[in-house]
Amino acid sequence: MDSLQKHDRGAYLLAGATSGLISCILLQPFDLVKTRLQQGRQQNTKLLKRGQPMNSTIICNVKEIIAKESLFGLWRGAIPTIMRNVPGTALYYSTLSDIRRLFSLRHRINSSSPIPQRSTTSSSLPVLSNIENLIAGMVARGSIGFVMMPITIVKIRYESNLYKYKSIWGALSSIIKTDGIKGLFYGYGATAIKDAPTSGLNVLFYERFKLALQGIYFF
C-alpha cells in the first residue's frame, strides 16, 4: 500500500509538472496581453482626460508588443511563469491527492460514515462528499498559492511595461529593496479569496459530474 501511494504521488507530481509546462508555453502570450491590458487602465484614463484615443484592445496590444519586442516578446515572462506553474501545478495535484486521502482515512476509521467505493473506475482517488471535495480544493489551492506567491509577484512585475525590469533577478531585487520581503506577498489575500473557492468548486463539480457519467450517483 505504501509503495502504491508513493507511486501515485510521483505520478501526480510528474503529470502536474508536465501539464503546467505545456500550458505555460501555449498560453503565455495570452497571459502577457492580459497583464498589459490590466495595467494599461491608468494610462487609458489619462488619455481620455486629454481627449486622446485609447490603445486598449487586444489586437493593439499584440501589435505594440511585436513592434517593440519582436514576436518573441509575446513570451516575455515565460521563465517566471514556468518557475511558478510547473512546480505549483505539480504540488497542487499532489497536495490535493494527499488531502483527499486524509479524508478517506477518516472515513475508514469512522465506520459509521462509510464512503462509496469506486467499483466502476480504476481511479485511486477516494469518493468524498461535496463539502470534503470543496475543502480539499480550497486548502490545496490556498496553501500552494501562498508558497508560490513570490514567484507570482515577480512574474507580474516582469511582464509589466510599467516597471521596465531588464531581468528576473532585477525585478526580485527591486521588490525586496522597495517593499521588503512582505512585498513578495502583496495581494495574497485577494488572490486566495478568488482562487481558493474557485479551485474548491472545480474539484467538487468535477468529481460529481465524473461520478454521474459513470452512473454511480450525482448530488
Protein backbone atom coordinates (compact mmCIF):
# COMPACT_ATOMS: atom_id res chain seq x y z
CA MET A 1 0.00 0.00 0.00
CA ASP A 2 2.82 2.42 0.91
CA SER A 3 4.60 1.72 -2.37
CA LEU A 4 1.37 2.34 -4.26
CA GLN A 5 0.86 5.69 -2.51
CA LYS A 6 4.45 6.71 -3.28
CA HIS A 7 3.91 5.74 -6.90
CA ASP A 8 0.68 7.74 -7.03
CA ARG A 9 2.34 10.81 -5.53
CA GLY A 10 5.14 10.63 -8.07
CA ALA A 11 2.63 10.25 -10.88
CA TYR A 12 0.67 13.30 -9.71
CA LEU A 13 3.86 15.37 -9.46
CA LEU A 14 5.03 14.33 -12.93
CA ALA A 15 1.63 14.78 -14.56
CA GLY A 16 1.11 18.16 -12.89
CA ALA A 17 4.57 19.41 -13.85
CA THR A 18 4.12 18.31 -17.46
CA SER A 19 0.69 19.88 -17.82
CA GLY A 20 1.97 23.06 -16.16
CA LEU A 21 4.89 23.31 -18.59
CA ILE A 22 2.75 22.78 -21.68
CA SER A 23 0.13 25.30 -20.57
CA CYS A 24 2.85 27.87 -19.83
CA ILE A 25 4.32 27.62 -23.31
CA LEU A 26 0.97 27.69 -25.10
CA LEU A 27 -0.82 30.33 -23.02
CA GLN A 28 1.95 32.76 -22.03
CA PRO A 29 1.14 35.24 -24.85
CA PHE A 30 -2.47 35.49 -23.60
CA ASP A 31 -1.28 35.95 -20.03
CA LEU A 32 1.12 38.70 -21.09
CA VAL A 33 -1.55 40.58 -23.08
CA LYS A 34 -3.95 40.30 -20.13
CA THR A 35 -1.34 41.83 -17.81
CA ARG A 36 -0.66 44.66 -20.25
CA LEU A 37 -4.38 45.38 -20.66
CA GLN A 38 -4.99 45.44 -16.90
CA GLN A 39 -2.02 47.66 -16.14
CA GLY A 40 -2.85 49.99 -19.02
CA ARG A 41 -6.11 51.16 -17.45
CA GLN A 42 -4.47 54.01 -15.60
CA GLN A 43 -2.75 55.20 -18.76
CA ASN A 44 -6.01 55.00 -20.70
CA THR A 45 -7.79 57.09 -18.07
CA LYS A 46 -5.20 59.83 -18.52
CA LEU A 47 -5.61 59.67 -22.30
CA LEU A 48 -9.37 60.03 -22.01
CA LYS A 49 -8.98 63.13 -19.83
CA ARG A 50 -6.74 64.62 -22.50
CA GLY A 51 -9.17 63.73 -25.25
CA GLN A 52 -6.69 61.32 -26.88
CA PRO A 53 -7.65 57.89 -28.30
CA MET A 54 -7.07 54.83 -26.17
CA ASN A 55 -4.93 51.86 -27.15
CA SER A 56 -6.64 49.20 -25.05
CA THR A 57 -7.76 46.47 -27.42
CA ILE A 58 -6.18 43.05 -27.54
CA ILE A 59 -5.11 43.48 -31.17
CA CYS A 60 -3.50 46.85 -30.46
CA ASN A 61 -1.55 45.42 -27.54
CA VAL A 62 -0.36 42.44 -29.55
CA LYS A 63 0.80 44.71 -32.39
CA GLU A 64 2.57 47.00 -29.96
CA ILE A 65 4.39 44.15 -28.23
CA ILE A 66 5.54 42.64 -31.54
CA ALA A 67 6.62 46.04 -32.88
CA LYS A 68 8.69 46.92 -29.81
CA GLU A 69 9.89 43.50 -28.64
CA SER A 70 9.55 41.23 -31.72
CA LEU A 71 7.33 38.15 -31.95
CA PHE A 72 9.22 36.51 -29.09
CA GLY A 73 8.20 39.43 -26.92
CA LEU A 74 4.84 37.70 -26.54
CA TRP A 75 6.65 35.14 -24.39
CA ARG A 76 8.19 37.76 -22.09
CA GLY A 77 7.82 36.45 -18.56
CA ALA A 78 7.70 32.83 -19.69
CA ILE A 79 10.59 31.85 -17.41
CA PRO A 80 9.00 33.10 -14.15
CA THR A 81 5.69 31.65 -15.35
CA ILE A 82 7.34 28.26 -15.78
CA MET A 83 9.08 28.65 -12.41
CA ARG A 84 5.67 29.25 -10.85
CA ASN A 85 3.34 26.95 -12.79
CA VAL A 86 5.44 23.82 -13.20
CA PRO A 87 6.21 23.20 -9.50
CA GLY A 88 2.96 24.93 -8.49
CA THR A 89 0.75 22.68 -10.60
CA ALA A 90 2.69 19.59 -9.57
CA LEU A 91 2.42 20.45 -5.87
CA TYR A 92 -1.26 21.35 -6.22
CA TYR A 93 -2.29 17.96 -7.60
CA SER A 94 -0.05 16.09 -5.18
CA THR A 95 -1.38 18.10 -2.21
CA LEU A 96 -4.96 17.69 -3.39
CA SER A 97 -4.46 13.93 -3.58
CA ASP A 98 -2.94 13.82 -0.08
CA ILE A 99 -5.81 15.84 1.42
CA ARG A 100 -8.36 13.57 -0.23
CA ARG A 101 -6.55 10.51 1.15
CA LEU A 102 -6.71 12.02 4.65
CA PHE A 103 -10.46 12.43 4.29
CA SER A 104 -10.66 8.85 3.03
CA LEU A 105 -8.67 7.62 6.03
CA ARG A 106 -11.01 9.46 8.40
CA HIS A 107 -13.97 7.71 6.79
CA ARG A 108 -12.30 4.32 7.17
CA ILE A 109 -11.57 4.94 10.85
CA ASN A 110 -15.10 6.15 11.46
CA SER A 111 -17.11 3.16 10.32
CA SER A 112 -20.36 4.97 10.99
CA SER A 113 -19.80 7.16 7.93
CA PRO A 114 -18.51 4.85 5.20
CA ILE A 115 -17.73 6.31 1.79
CA PRO A 116 -18.89 4.81 -1.51
CA GLN A 117 -16.35 2.66 -3.31
CA ARG A 118 -15.46 3.16 -6.94
CA SER A 119 -16.26 -0.20 -8.40
CA THR A 120 -16.51 1.03 -11.96
CA THR A 121 -13.32 3.01 -12.25
CA SER A 122 -9.60 2.39 -11.91
CA SER A 123 -9.00 5.75 -10.22
CA SER A 124 -7.14 5.51 -6.90
CA LEU A 125 -8.79 8.66 -5.55
CA PRO A 126 -11.50 8.11 -2.93
CA VAL A 127 -15.11 9.17 -3.37
CA LEU A 128 -15.77 12.07 -0.99
CA SER A 129 -18.72 14.21 -0.03
CA ASN A 130 -19.39 17.59 -1.64
CA ILE A 131 -18.10 19.55 1.34
CA GLU A 132 -14.94 17.42 1.53
CA ASN A 133 -14.20 17.96 -2.16
CA LEU A 134 -14.80 21.69 -1.69
CA ILE A 135 -12.46 21.87 1.32
CA ALA A 136 -9.77 19.77 -0.37
CA GLY A 137 -9.68 22.04 -3.42
CA MET A 138 -9.68 25.23 -1.35
CA VAL A 139 -6.96 24.12 1.07
CA ALA A 140 -4.72 22.77 -1.70
CA ARG A 141 -5.02 25.92 -3.81
CA GLY A 142 -4.72 28.30 -0.88
CA SER A 143 -1.59 26.68 0.56
CA ILE A 144 0.23 26.24 -2.74
CA GLY A 145 -0.79 29.75 -3.79
CA PHE A 146 0.93 31.13 -0.68
CA VAL A 147 4.12 29.18 -1.37
CA MET A 148 4.23 30.33 -5.00
CA MET A 149 3.15 33.94 -4.34
CA PRO A 150 6.66 35.47 -4.50
CA ILE A 151 7.21 33.99 -7.96
CA THR A 152 3.76 35.26 -8.99
CA ILE A 153 4.64 38.82 -7.89
CA VAL A 154 7.94 38.73 -9.78
CA LYS A 155 6.21 37.32 -12.86
CA ILE A 156 3.57 40.07 -12.97
CA ARG A 157 6.09 42.84 -12.40
CA TYR A 158 8.45 41.45 -15.03
CA GLU A 159 5.68 41.13 -17.63
CA SER A 160 4.51 44.68 -17.00
CA ASN A 161 5.61 47.51 -19.25
CA LEU A 162 5.43 49.93 -16.31
CA TYR A 163 8.46 48.79 -14.32
CA LYS A 164 10.90 48.22 -17.20
CA TYR A 165 12.80 45.45 -15.43
CA LYS A 166 15.63 44.07 -17.54
CA SER A 167 15.90 40.73 -15.75
CA ILE A 168 14.03 38.49 -13.34
CA TRP A 169 16.72 38.98 -10.72
CA GLY A 170 16.42 42.73 -11.19
CA ALA A 171 12.68 42.54 -10.57
CA LEU A 172 13.17 40.42 -7.44
CA SER A 173 15.90 42.68 -6.06
CA SER A 174 13.85 45.82 -6.71
CA ILE A 175 10.75 44.46 -4.96
CA ILE A 176 12.72 43.41 -1.87
CA LYS A 177 14.64 46.70 -1.79
CA THR A 178 11.48 48.79 -2.11
CA ASP A 179 8.92 46.82 -0.11
CA GLY A 180 10.91 44.24 1.81
CA ILE A 181 10.08 40.53 1.98
CA LYS A 182 6.43 41.35 2.62
CA GLY A 183 6.31 42.89 -0.85
CA LEU A 184 6.61 39.40 -2.29
CA PHE A 185 3.26 38.52 -0.73
CA TYR A 186 1.26 41.62 -1.63
CA GLY A 187 -2.19 40.71 -2.85
CA TYR A 188 -2.18 37.17 -1.49
CA GLY A 189 -5.39 37.75 0.47
CA ALA A 190 -7.32 38.90 -2.58
CA THR A 191 -5.79 36.12 -4.68
CA ALA A 192 -6.75 33.47 -2.13
CA ILE A 193 -10.29 34.81 -1.85
CA LYS A 194 -10.69 34.36 -5.59
CA ASP A 195 -8.64 31.25 -6.32
CA ALA A 196 -9.36 29.04 -3.31
CA PRO A 197 -13.17 28.92 -3.72
CA THR A 198 -12.77 28.56 -7.48
CA SER A 199 -10.48 25.57 -7.04
CA GLY A 200 -12.82 24.06 -4.45
CA LEU A 201 -15.81 24.36 -6.76
CA ASN A 202 -13.78 22.94 -9.65
CA VAL A 203 -12.93 19.82 -7.65
CA LEU A 204 -16.49 19.48 -6.36
CA PHE A 205 -18.19 19.71 -9.75
CA TYR A 206 -15.50 17.67 -11.49
CA GLU A 207 -15.97 14.77 -9.07
CA ARG A 208 -19.78 14.96 -9.11
CA PHE A 209 -20.06 15.07 -12.89
CA LYS A 210 -17.50 12.30 -13.26
CA LEU A 211 -19.47 10.06 -10.93
CA ALA A 212 -22.70 10.99 -12.69
CA LEU A 213 -21.24 9.98 -16.05
CA GLN A 214 -20.11 6.70 -14.50
CA GLY A 215 -23.66 6.12 -13.30
CA ILE A 216 -22.74 5.99 -9.60
CA TYR A 217 -24.58 9.00 -8.20
CA PHE A 218 -24.92 12.74 -8.50
CA PHE A 219 -25.51 15.39 -5.84
